C-alpha atoms as a PDB file:
ATOM      1  CA  UNK A   1      -8.625 -22.889   7.494  1.00  0.00           C
ATOM      2  CA  UNK A   2      -5.039 -21.937   6.309  1.00  0.00           C
ATOM      3  CA  UNK A   3      -4.262 -17.716   7.352  1.00  0.00           C
ATOM      4  CA  UNK A   4      -0.533 -16.295   6.995  1.00  0.00           C
ATOM      5  CA  UNK A   5      -0.442 -13.853   9.326  1.00  0.00           C
ATOM      6  CA  UNK A   6       3.329 -11.804   8.683  1.00  0.00           C
ATOM      7  CA  UNK A   7       4.974  -9.145  10.585  1.00  0.00           C
ATOM      8  CA  UNK A   8       2.605  -9.855  13.822  1.00  0.00           C
ATOM      9  CA  UNK A   9       2.651  -6.990  15.964  1.00  0.00           C
ATOM     10  CA  UNK A  10       0.656  -6.689  19.390  1.00  0.00           C
ATOM     11  CA  UNK A  11      -1.909  -4.528  17.160  1.00  0.00           C
ATOM     12  CA  UNK A  12      -1.451  -6.163  13.391  1.00  0.00           C
ATOM     13  CA  UNK A  13      -0.284  -8.049  10.909  1.00  0.00           C
ATOM     14  CA  UNK A  14       1.447  -6.194   8.036  1.00  0.00           C
ATOM     15  CA  UNK A  15      -0.486  -8.778   5.303  1.00  0.00           C
ATOM     16  CA  UNK A  16      -2.754 -11.538   6.063  1.00  0.00           C
ATOM     17  CA  UNK A  17      -3.337 -14.413   3.756  1.00  0.00           C
ATOM     18  CA  UNK A  18      -6.231 -16.831   3.281  1.00  0.00           C
ATOM     19  CA  UNK A  19      -7.205 -18.559   0.423  1.00  0.00           C
ATOM     20  CA  UNK A  20      -5.287 -17.039  -2.397  1.00  0.00           C
ATOM     21  CA  UNK A  21      -5.899 -13.254  -1.653  1.00  0.00           C
ATOM     22  CA  UNK A  22      -3.558 -10.981   1.105  1.00  0.00           C
ATOM     23  CA  UNK A  23      -5.079  -7.969   2.719  1.00  0.00           C
ATOM     24  CA  UNK A  24      -2.302  -5.809   3.846  1.00  0.00           C
ATOM     25  CA  UNK A  25      -2.485  -3.277   6.599  1.00  0.00           C
ATOM     26  CA  UNK A  26      -2.693   0.832   5.865  1.00  0.00           C
ATOM     27  CA  UNK A  27       1.439   0.962   4.993  1.00  0.00           C
ATOM     28  CA  UNK A  28       2.670   4.424   5.335  1.00  0.00           C
ATOM     29  CA  UNK A  29       6.576   5.729   5.005  1.00  0.00           C
ATOM     30  CA  UNK A  30       9.466   5.325   7.547  1.00  0.00           C
ATOM     31  CA  UNK A  31      10.487   8.999   6.850  1.00  0.00           C
ATOM     32  CA  UNK A  32       8.031  10.942   7.608  1.00  0.00           C
ATOM     33  CA  UNK A  33       9.915  14.163   6.686  1.00  0.00           C
ATOM     34  CA  UNK A  34      10.091  13.278   2.940  1.00  0.00           C
ATOM     35  CA  UNK A  35       7.346  15.114   0.663  1.00  0.00           C
ATOM     36  CA  UNK A  36       3.981  13.264  -0.815  1.00  0.00           C
ATOM     37  CA  UNK A  37       6.312  11.785  -3.600  1.00  0.00           C
ATOM     38  CA  UNK A  38       8.996  10.865  -0.821  1.00  0.00           C
ATOM     39  CA  UNK A  39       5.952   8.741   1.097  1.00  0.00           C
ATOM     40  CA  UNK A  40       4.773   7.693  -1.422  1.00  0.00           C
ATOM     41  CA  UNK A  41       7.676   5.749  -3.415  1.00  0.00           C
ATOM     42  CA  UNK A  42       8.980   4.301   0.197  1.00  0.00           C
ATOM     43  CA  UNK A  43       5.496   2.936   0.695  1.00  0.00           C
ATOM     44  CA  UNK A  44       5.184   1.340  -2.510  1.00  0.00           C
ATOM     45  CA  UNK A  45       8.772  -0.390  -2.007  1.00  0.00           C
ATOM     46  CA  UNK A  46       7.591  -1.878   0.935  1.00  0.00           C
ATOM     47  CA  UNK A  47       4.933  -3.178  -0.939  1.00  0.00           C
ATOM     48  CA  UNK A  48       7.157  -4.447  -3.253  1.00  0.00           C
ATOM     49  CA  UNK A  49       9.229  -5.516  -0.554  1.00  0.00           C
ATOM     50  CA  UNK A  50       6.035  -8.116   0.769  1.00  0.00           C
ATOM     51  CA  UNK A  51       4.868  -8.887  -2.396  1.00  0.00           C
ATOM     52  CA  UNK A  52       7.975 -10.843  -2.670  1.00  0.00           C
ATOM     53  CA  UNK A  53       7.827 -12.226   0.626  1.00  0.00           C
ATOM     54  CA  UNK A  54       3.983 -13.485  -0.398  1.00  0.00           C
ATOM     55  CA  UNK A  55       5.458 -14.696  -3.563  1.00  0.00           C
ATOM     56  CA  UNK A  56       2.650 -12.357  -5.755  1.00  0.00           C
ATOM     57  CA  UNK A  57       3.551  -9.738  -7.540  1.00  0.00           C
ATOM     58  CA  UNK A  58       2.196  -5.439  -8.905  1.00  0.00           C
ATOM     59  CA  UNK A  59      -0.046  -7.233 -11.607  1.00  0.00           C
ATOM     60  CA  UNK A  60      -1.502  -9.648  -8.723  1.00  0.00           C
ATOM     61  CA  UNK A  61      -2.990  -6.905  -6.930  1.00  0.00           C
ATOM     62  CA  UNK A  62      -6.413  -6.100  -7.166  1.00  0.00           C
ATOM     63  CA  UNK A  63      -7.159  -3.517  -5.270  1.00  0.00           C
ATOM     64  CA  UNK A  64      -5.939  -0.666  -3.160  1.00  0.00           C
ATOM     65  CA  UNK A  65      -7.000   2.582  -0.851  1.00  0.00           C
ATOM     66  CA  UNK A  66      -5.108   5.411  -0.829  1.00  0.00           C
ATOM     67  CA  UNK A  67      -5.584   8.093   2.042  1.00  0.00           C
ATOM     68  CA  UNK A  68      -4.214  11.551   1.742  1.00  0.00           C
ATOM     69  CA  UNK A  69      -3.923  14.273   4.357  1.00  0.00           C
ATOM     70  CA  UNK A  70      -4.295  17.011   1.903  1.00  0.00           C
ATOM     71  CA  UNK A  71      -6.210  15.663  -1.649  1.00  0.00           C
ATOM     72  CA  UNK A  72      -3.988  18.987  -3.092  1.00  0.00           C
ATOM     73  CA  UNK A  73      -1.172  15.960  -2.860  1.00  0.00           C
ATOM     74  CA  UNK A  74      -3.423  13.957  -5.394  1.00  0.00           C
ATOM     75  CA  UNK A  75      -1.025  14.672  -8.580  1.00  0.00           C
ATOM     76  CA  UNK A  76       2.131  14.454  -6.367  1.00  0.00           C
ATOM     77  CA  UNK A  77       0.725  10.471  -5.349  1.00  0.00           C
ATOM     78  CA  UNK A  78       0.040  10.427  -8.788  1.00  0.00           C
ATOM     79  CA  UNK A  79       3.342  10.567 -10.092  1.00  0.00           C
ATOM     80  CA  UNK A  80       4.843   8.075  -7.786  1.00  0.00           C
ATOM     81  CA  UNK A  81       1.649   5.725  -8.328  1.00  0.00           C
ATOM     82  CA  UNK A  82       2.229   5.592 -12.158  1.00  0.00           C
ATOM     83  CA  UNK A  83       5.657   4.796 -12.652  1.00  0.00           C
ATOM     84  CA  UNK A  84       5.197   1.963 -10.332  1.00  0.00           C
ATOM     85  CA  UNK A  85       2.284  -0.013 -10.886  1.00  0.00           C
ATOM     86  CA  UNK A  86       1.613  -2.311 -13.491  1.00  0.00           C
ATOM     87  CA  UNK A  87       0.670  -1.175 -17.054  1.00  0.00           C
ATOM     88  CA  UNK A  88      -0.865  -3.318 -18.237  1.00  0.00           C
ATOM     89  CA  UNK A  89      -3.015  -5.119 -15.118  1.00  0.00           C
ATOM     90  CA  UNK A  90      -3.948  -1.773 -13.225  1.00  0.00           C
ATOM     91  CA  UNK A  91      -5.344  -2.609  -9.840  1.00  0.00           C
ATOM     92  CA  UNK A  92      -8.773  -1.312  -9.348  1.00  0.00           C
ATOM     93  CA  UNK A  93      -8.489   1.851  -6.424  1.00  0.00           C
ATOM     94  CA  UNK A  94      -9.673   4.365  -4.228  1.00  0.00           C
ATOM     95  CA  UNK A  95      -8.233   7.763  -3.624  1.00  0.00           C
ATOM     96  CA  UNK A  96      -9.744   9.860  -0.247  1.00  0.00           C
ATOM     97  CA  UNK A  97      -8.708  13.528   1.191  1.00  0.00           C
ATOM     98  CA  UNK A  98      -8.283  11.657   5.482  1.00  0.00           C
ATOM     99  CA  UNK A  99      -7.583  12.089   8.927  1.00  0.00           C
ATOM    100  CA  UNK A 100      -4.568  10.002   9.448  1.00  0.00           C
ATOM    101  CA  UNK A 101      -2.992   8.686  12.613  1.00  0.00           C
ATOM    102  CA  UNK A 102      -0.210  11.198  12.722  1.00  0.00           C
ATOM    103  CA  UNK A 103       0.246  14.614  11.477  1.00  0.00           C
ATOM    104  CA  UNK A 104       3.268  14.117   9.601  1.00  0.00           C
ATOM    105  CA  UNK A 105       1.694  11.083   7.359  1.00  0.00           C
ATOM    106  CA  UNK A 106       0.925  12.393   3.948  1.00  0.00           C
ATOM    107  CA  UNK A 107       0.105   9.014   2.601  1.00  0.00           C
ATOM    108  CA  UNK A 108      -1.260   5.719   3.635  1.00  0.00           C
ATOM    109  CA  UNK A 109      -2.109   2.726   1.019  1.00  0.00           C
ATOM    110  CA  UNK A 110      -3.868  -0.390   1.926  1.00  0.00           C
ATOM    111  CA  UNK A 111      -3.883  -3.565  -0.591  1.00  0.00           C
ATOM    112  CA  UNK A 112      -5.669  -6.445  -1.558  1.00  0.00           C
ATOM    113  CA  UNK A 113      -4.092  -9.292  -3.316  1.00  0.00           C
ATOM    114  CA  UNK A 114      -4.536 -12.489  -5.433  1.00  0.00           C
ATOM    115  CA  UNK A 115      -1.944 -14.897  -4.951  1.00  0.00           C
ATOM    116  CA  UNK A 116      -0.238 -16.808  -8.163  1.00  0.00           C
END
């Protein structure tokens, strides 16, 4: 069995690749003082870096789960999301309001990605 783990810590791997599918951990912004758009843009930039590292791309994102601290931020998050996604190959997606791990986290996104 071939499993690759990317950016491992003692608690988790940021990405786990198994049989041409990559599973991302929930990604959050590094600068949590940013608003919802700023945090979403930071998360998507992180996703781009991981996509590049594993040799994949936005068109191969299979699904995304998005957690928002406040569902009222749905439109703000969507403005960054819509500008970022592959318009021809959008992923399946769910967005929910949730209590997140730290009070200054506004957005968390988890991806499942195919590899070419």
